[in-house]
Amino acid sequence: MWLPEKLMRYKLILFGNEGVGKTSLVERFVNDKFEENYIATLGYNVYEKRILYNNANISLMVYDIGGQERFSDLRKQYAKGANTAFLVFDVTDPNSFISIIKWKTDLNDFAGAIPFIIIGNKIDCVTERQVAKDEALKLCSVLGALAYYETSAKNGRGVEDAFYHLAVMTYTCYSPGIMIT
């Protein structure tokens, strides 16, 4: 049986307003499940999922940190040492989209200039959509995001692709991570 030659571990953080679906995205990616009614993340949760790419096993240590303002100090603490990030907004909530600028500032302040992808979540809510894709693409360009993905944690659309793209780009282009032998 073939085994990857190396294991690379990366710390991935998710920033975004409360209720944009950060936990739902992680649960869909890691456990392939969706709960209709999540309780807001109080503090943080840590998940791990491995992705095979070429001769490497990429381990993503995913830190899902509560989006409430009262967790600002906790976000700062857990963002230290992060290798990569998602900035997440809800396409049905223009305020969460506008807040991406603040989240990018926090990302820079707390973790430095690490690679990140912006995610517009809840695209399954077609009739409630209020943020156009072209607006999000413009913001990605302005903020220097690696990419923009539209996702639905509910039906899984785009979730695996976004995580995979971020993991591979981080591994191949940006961060040494931690090699475990």
C-alpha atoms as a PDB file:
ATOM      1  CA  MET A   1       0.000   0.000   0.000  1.00  0.00           C
ATOM      2  CA  TRP A   2       1.346   3.423  -1.002  1.00  0.00           C
ATOM      3  CA  LEU A   3       1.647   6.053   1.721  1.00  0.00           C
ATOM      4  CA  PRO A   4       2.416   9.741   1.236  1.00  0.00           C
ATOM      5  CA  GLU A   5       6.060  10.623   1.776  1.00  0.00           C
ATOM      6  CA  LYS A   6       5.342  13.432   4.196  1.00  0.00           C
ATOM      7  CA  LEU A   7       2.689  14.969   6.395  1.00  0.00           C
ATOM      8  CA  MET A   8       2.411  18.753   6.378  1.00  0.00           C
ATOM      9  CA  ARG A   9       0.287  20.426   9.036  1.00  0.00           C
ATOM     10  CA  TYR A  10      -1.293  23.859   8.537  1.00  0.00           C
ATOM     11  CA  LYS A  11      -3.333  25.986  10.880  1.00  0.00           C
ATOM     12  CA  LEU A  12      -6.429  27.355   9.139  1.00  0.00           C
ATOM     13  CA  ILE A  13      -8.576  30.014  10.783  1.00  0.00           C
ATOM     14  CA  LEU A  14     -12.051  31.197   9.816  1.00  0.00           C
ATOM     15  CA  PHE A  15     -13.105  34.795  10.380  1.00  0.00           C
ATOM     16  CA  GLY A  16     -16.547  36.263   9.746  1.00  0.00           C
ATOM     17  CA  ASN A  17     -19.607  37.654  11.469  1.00  0.00           C
ATOM     18  CA  GLU A  18     -21.723  35.520  13.742  1.00  0.00           C
ATOM     19  CA  GLY A  19     -24.250  33.481  11.779  1.00  0.00           C
ATOM     20  CA  VAL A  20     -22.531  33.473   8.367  1.00  0.00           C
ATOM     21  CA  GLY A  21     -22.083  29.699   8.489  1.00  0.00           C
ATOM     22  CA  LYS A  22     -18.450  29.189   9.499  1.00  0.00           C
ATOM     23  CA  THR A  23     -19.242  26.183  11.698  1.00  0.00           C
ATOM     24  CA  SER A  24     -21.596  24.783   9.066  1.00  0.00           C
ATOM     25  CA  LEU A  25     -18.852  24.997   6.432  1.00  0.00           C
ATOM     26  CA  VAL A  26     -16.366  23.210   8.667  1.00  0.00           C
ATOM     27  CA  GLU A  27     -18.882  20.525   9.653  1.00  0.00           C
ATOM     28  CA  ARG A  28     -19.735  19.961   5.981  1.00  0.00           C
ATOM     29  CA  PHE A  29     -16.037  19.690   5.055  1.00  0.00           C
ATOM     30  CA  VAL A  30     -14.823  17.585   7.977  1.00  0.00           C
ATOM     31  CA  ASN A  31     -17.872  15.425   8.767  1.00  0.00           C
ATOM     32  CA  ASP A  32     -20.000  15.817   5.612  1.00  0.00           C
ATOM     33  CA  LYS A  33     -23.004  16.867   7.648  1.00  0.00           C
ATOM     34  CA  PHE A  34     -25.263  19.874   8.024  1.00  0.00           C
ATOM     35  CA  GLU A  35     -27.409  20.823  10.977  1.00  0.00           C
ATOM     36  CA  GLU A  36     -30.291  23.178  10.290  1.00  0.00           C
ATOM     37  CA  ASN A  37     -29.985  24.807  13.730  1.00  0.00           C
ATOM     38  CA  TYR A  38     -26.469  25.407  14.995  1.00  0.00           C
ATOM     39  CA  ILE A  39     -25.848  27.073  18.300  1.00  0.00           C
ATOM     40  CA  ALA A  40     -23.447  30.005  17.931  1.00  0.00           C
ATOM     41  CA  THR A  41     -19.848  28.984  18.551  1.00  0.00           C
ATOM     42  CA  LEU A  42     -18.899  30.006  22.062  1.00  0.00           C
ATOM     43  CA  GLY A  43     -15.157  30.473  21.986  1.00  0.00           C
ATOM     44  CA  TYR A  44     -13.646  28.097  19.472  1.00  0.00           C
ATOM     45  CA  ASN A  45     -13.671  24.583  18.072  1.00  0.00           C
ATOM     46  CA  VAL A  46     -10.731  22.763  16.484  1.00  0.00           C
ATOM     47  CA  TYR A  47     -11.118  20.186  13.727  1.00  0.00           C
ATOM     48  CA  GLU A  48      -8.638  18.236  11.621  1.00  0.00           C
ATOM     49  CA  LYS A  49      -8.947  16.868   8.121  1.00  0.00           C
ATOM     50  CA  ARG A  50      -6.268  15.495   5.827  1.00  0.00           C
ATOM     51  CA  ILE A  51      -6.051  15.997   2.107  1.00  0.00           C
ATOM     52  CA  LEU A  52      -3.843  13.944  -0.203  1.00  0.00           C
ATOM     53  CA  TYR A  53      -1.977  15.991  -2.775  1.00  0.00           C
ATOM     54  CA  ASN A  54       0.885  14.645  -4.922  1.00  0.00           C
ATOM     55  CA  ASN A  55       3.307  13.029  -2.490  1.00  0.00           C
ATOM     56  CA  ALA A  56       2.027  14.845   0.579  1.00  0.00           C
ATOM     57  CA  ASN A  57      -0.637  14.377   3.169  1.00  0.00           C
ATOM     58  CA  ILE A  58      -1.839  17.894   4.019  1.00  0.00           C
ATOM     59  CA  SER A  59      -3.326  18.156   7.484  1.00  0.00           C
ATOM     60  CA  LEU A  60      -5.587  21.139   8.051  1.00  0.00           C
ATOM     61  CA  MET A  61      -6.035  22.068  11.697  1.00  0.00           C
ATOM     62  CA  VAL A  62      -9.190  24.159  11.373  1.00  0.00           C
ATOM     63  CA  TYR A  63      -9.846  26.728  14.107  1.00  0.00           C
ATOM     64  CA  ASP A  64     -13.492  27.811  14.040  1.00  0.00           C
ATOM     65  CA  ILE A  65     -13.585  30.896  16.245  1.00  0.00           C
ATOM     66  CA  GLY A  66     -16.785  32.610  17.388  1.00  0.00           C
ATOM     67  CA  GLY A  67     -17.638  35.734  15.401  1.00  0.00           C
ATOM     68  CA  GLN A  68     -19.106  37.661  18.321  1.00  0.00           C
ATOM     69  CA  GLU A  69     -17.236  40.794  19.390  1.00  0.00           C
ATOM     70  CA  ARG A  70     -16.701  39.402  22.879  1.00  0.00           C
ATOM     71  CA  PHE A  71     -14.337  36.800  21.380  1.00  0.00           C
ATOM     72  CA  SER A  72     -11.963  39.390  19.910  1.00  0.00           C
ATOM     73  CA  ASP A  73      -9.161  38.574  22.363  1.00  0.00           C
ATOM     74  CA  LEU A  74      -9.659  34.854  21.806  1.00  0.00           C
ATOM     75  CA  ARG A  75      -9.497  35.351  18.013  1.00  0.00           C
ATOM     76  CA  LYS A  76      -6.265  37.258  18.436  1.00  0.00           C
ATOM     77  CA  GLN A  77      -4.775  34.489  20.563  1.00  0.00           C
ATOM     78  CA  TYR A  78      -5.816  31.627  18.277  1.00  0.00           C
ATOM     79  CA  ALA A  79      -4.899  33.441  15.057  1.00  0.00           C
ATOM     80  CA  LYS A  80      -1.247  33.539  16.084  1.00  0.00           C
ATOM     81  CA  GLY A  81       0.731  31.044  14.075  1.00  0.00           C
ATOM     82  CA  ALA A  82      -2.015  30.574  11.488  1.00  0.00           C
ATOM     83  CA  ASN A  83      -0.796  29.624   8.021  1.00  0.00           C
ATOM     84  CA  THR A  84      -3.943  30.341   6.053  1.00  0.00           C
ATOM     85  CA  ALA A  85      -7.522  31.618   6.415  1.00  0.00           C
ATOM     86  CA  PHE A  86     -11.061  31.875   5.141  1.00  0.00           C
ATOM     87  CA  LEU A  87     -12.964  35.150   5.430  1.00  0.00           C
ATOM     88  CA  VAL A  88     -16.639  34.202   5.304  1.00  0.00           C
ATOM     89  CA  PHE A  89     -19.767  36.248   4.635  1.00  0.00           C
ATOM     90  CA  ASP A  90     -23.411  35.398   4.047  1.00  0.00           C
ATOM     91  CA  VAL A  91     -24.654  36.322   0.545  1.00  0.00           C
ATOM     92  CA  THR A  92     -28.069  37.153   2.062  1.00  0.00           C
ATOM     93  CA  ASP A  93     -26.566  39.655   4.548  1.00  0.00           C
ATOM     94  CA  PRO A  94     -24.916  42.801   3.117  1.00  0.00           C
ATOM     95  CA  ASN A  95     -23.600  43.776   6.560  1.00  0.00           C
ATOM     96  CA  SER A  96     -21.595  40.552   6.778  1.00  0.00           C
ATOM     97  CA  PHE A  97     -20.134  41.367   3.349  1.00  0.00           C
ATOM     98  CA  ILE A  98     -19.126  44.889   4.373  1.00  0.00           C
ATOM     99  CA  SER A  99     -17.546  43.437   7.518  1.00  0.00           C
ATOM    100  CA  ILE A 100     -15.084  41.423   5.403  1.00  0.00           C
ATOM    101  CA  ILE A 101     -12.899  44.551   5.299  1.00  0.00           C
ATOM    102  CA  LYS A 102     -12.751  44.579   9.111  1.00  0.00           C
ATOM    103  CA  TRP A 103     -12.059  40.831   9.177  1.00  0.00           C
ATOM    104  CA  LYS A 104      -9.179  41.287   6.718  1.00  0.00           C
ATOM    105  CA  THR A 105      -7.721  44.002   8.978  1.00  0.00           C
ATOM    106  CA  ASP A 106      -8.021  41.679  11.990  1.00  0.00           C
ATOM    107  CA  LEU A 107      -6.409  38.879   9.992  1.00  0.00           C
ATOM    108  CA  ASN A 108      -3.422  41.070   9.154  1.00  0.00           C
ATOM    109  CA  ASP A 109      -3.162  42.376  12.727  1.00  0.00           C
ATOM    110  CA  PHE A 110      -3.484  38.959  14.374  1.00  0.00           C
ATOM    111  CA  ALA A 111      -1.796  36.564  11.920  1.00  0.00           C
ATOM    112  CA  GLY A 112       0.161  38.692   9.472  1.00  0.00           C
ATOM    113  CA  ALA A 113       0.076  38.513   5.694  1.00  0.00           C
ATOM    114  CA  ILE A 114      -1.087  34.927   5.259  1.00  0.00           C
ATOM    115  CA  PRO A 115      -2.901  33.527   2.193  1.00  0.00           C
ATOM    116  CA  PHE A 116      -6.682  33.673   2.387  1.00  0.00           C
ATOM    117  CA  ILE A 117      -9.795  32.968   0.383  1.00  0.00           C
ATOM    118  CA  ILE A 118     -13.072  34.849   0.674  1.00  0.00           C
ATOM    119  CA  ILE A 119     -16.199  32.719   0.824  1.00  0.00           C
ATOM    120  CA  GLY A 120     -19.738  33.847   0.073  1.00  0.00           C
ATOM    121  CA  ASN A 121     -21.852  31.255   1.882  1.00  0.00           C
ATOM    122  CA  LYS A 122     -25.565  30.363   1.762  1.00  0.00           C
ATOM    123  CA  ILE A 123     -25.920  30.428  -2.026  1.00  0.00           C
ATOM    124  CA  ASP A 124     -28.771  27.936  -1.637  1.00  0.00           C
ATOM    125  CA  CYS A 125     -30.884  30.897  -0.416  1.00  0.00           C
ATOM    126  CA  VAL A 126     -31.370  32.136  -3.984  1.00  0.00           C
ATOM    127  CA  THR A 127     -34.388  34.380  -3.434  1.00  0.00           C
ATOM    128  CA  GLU A 128     -32.847  36.056  -0.367  1.00  0.00           C
ATOM    129  CA  ARG A 129     -29.504  36.837  -2.009  1.00  0.00           C
ATOM    130  CA  GLN A 130     -28.394  40.464  -1.577  1.00  0.00           C
ATOM    131  CA  VAL A 131     -24.681  40.411  -2.458  1.00  0.00           C
ATOM    132  CA  ALA A 132     -23.864  39.965  -6.146  1.00  0.00           C
ATOM    133  CA  LYS A 133     -20.988  37.761  -7.206  1.00  0.00           C
ATOM    134  CA  ASP A 134     -19.321  40.593  -9.149  1.00  0.00           C
ATOM    135  CA  GLU A 135     -19.258  42.760  -5.980  1.00  0.00           C
ATOM    136  CA  ALA A 136     -17.524  39.956  -4.098  1.00  0.00           C
ATOM    137  CA  LEU A 137     -15.009  39.425  -6.901  1.00  0.00           C
ATOM    138  CA  LYS A 138     -14.132  43.147  -6.843  1.00  0.00           C
ATOM    139  CA  LEU A 139     -13.588  43.036  -3.085  1.00  0.00           C
ATOM    140  CA  CYS A 140     -11.369  39.949  -3.444  1.00  0.00           C
ATOM    141  CA  SER A 141      -9.227  41.800  -5.934  1.00  0.00           C
ATOM    142  CA  VAL A 142      -8.946  44.871  -3.695  1.00  0.00           C
ATOM    143  CA  LEU A 143      -8.061  42.821  -0.596  1.00  0.00           C
ATOM    144  CA  GLY A 144      -5.647  40.452  -2.351  1.00  0.00           C
ATOM    145  CA  ALA A 145      -7.526  37.205  -1.781  1.00  0.00           C
ATOM    146  CA  LEU A 146      -6.233  34.050  -3.468  1.00  0.00           C
ATOM    147  CA  ALA A 147      -9.724  33.349  -4.760  1.00  0.00           C
ATOM    148  CA  TYR A 148     -13.429  33.755  -4.187  1.00  0.00           C
ATOM    149  CA  TYR A 149     -15.728  30.779  -3.684  1.00  0.00           C
ATOM    150  CA  GLU A 150     -19.469  30.666  -3.386  1.00  0.00           C
ATOM    151  CA  THR A 151     -20.645  27.858  -1.156  1.00  0.00           C
ATOM    152  CA  SER A 152     -23.622  26.235   0.425  1.00  0.00           C
ATOM    153  CA  ALA A 153     -22.868  24.378   3.624  1.00  0.00           C
ATOM    154  CA  LYS A 154     -26.451  23.115   3.437  1.00  0.00           C
ATOM    155  CA  ASN A 155     -26.086  21.214   0.161  1.00  0.00           C
ATOM    156  CA  GLY A 156     -22.272  21.071   0.057  1.00  0.00           C
ATOM    157  CA  ARG A 157     -21.848  23.043  -3.161  1.00  0.00           C
ATOM    158  CA  GLY A 158     -18.342  24.510  -3.445  1.00  0.00           C
ATOM    159  CA  VAL A 159     -17.250  23.555   0.087  1.00  0.00           C
ATOM    160  CA  GLU A 160     -14.794  20.772  -0.743  1.00  0.00           C
ATOM    161  CA  ASP A 161     -13.357  22.797  -3.638  1.00  0.00           C
ATOM    162  CA  ALA A 162     -12.698  25.848  -1.450  1.00  0.00           C
ATOM    163  CA  PHE A 163     -10.927  23.887   1.287  1.00  0.00           C
ATOM    164  CA  TYR A 164      -8.939  21.854  -1.231  1.00  0.00           C
ATOM    165  CA  HIS A 165      -7.845  24.961  -3.174  1.00  0.00           C
ATOM    166  CA  LEU A 166      -6.725  26.747  -0.018  1.00  0.00           C
ATOM    167  CA  ALA A 167      -4.837  23.690   1.266  1.00  0.00           C
ATOM    168  CA  VAL A 168      -3.020  23.095  -2.008  1.00  0.00           C
ATOM    169  CA  MET A 169      -2.159  26.774  -2.546  1.00  0.00           C
ATOM    170  CA  THR A 170      -0.858  27.063   1.001  1.00  0.00           C
ATOM    171  CA  TYR A 171       1.220  23.910   0.584  1.00  0.00           C
ATOM    172  CA  THR A 172       2.640  24.692  -2.856  1.00  0.00           C
ATOM    173  CA  CYS A 173       3.123  28.440  -2.745  1.00  0.00           C
ATOM    174  CA  TYR A 174       3.059  30.105   0.608  1.00  0.00           C
ATOM    175  CA  SER A 175       3.777  28.464   3.887  1.00  0.00           C
ATOM    176  CA  PRO A 176       6.215  25.893   5.147  1.00  0.00           C
ATOM    177  CA  GLY A 177       3.754  24.584   7.747  1.00  0.00           C
ATOM    178  CA  ILE A 178       5.016  21.927  10.128  1.00  0.00           C
ATOM    179  CA  MET A 179       6.453  18.770   8.615  1.00  0.00           C
ATOM    180  CA  ILE A 180       5.731  15.661  10.648  1.00  0.00           C
ATOM    181  CA  THR A 181       7.737  12.554   9.862  1.00  0.00           C
END
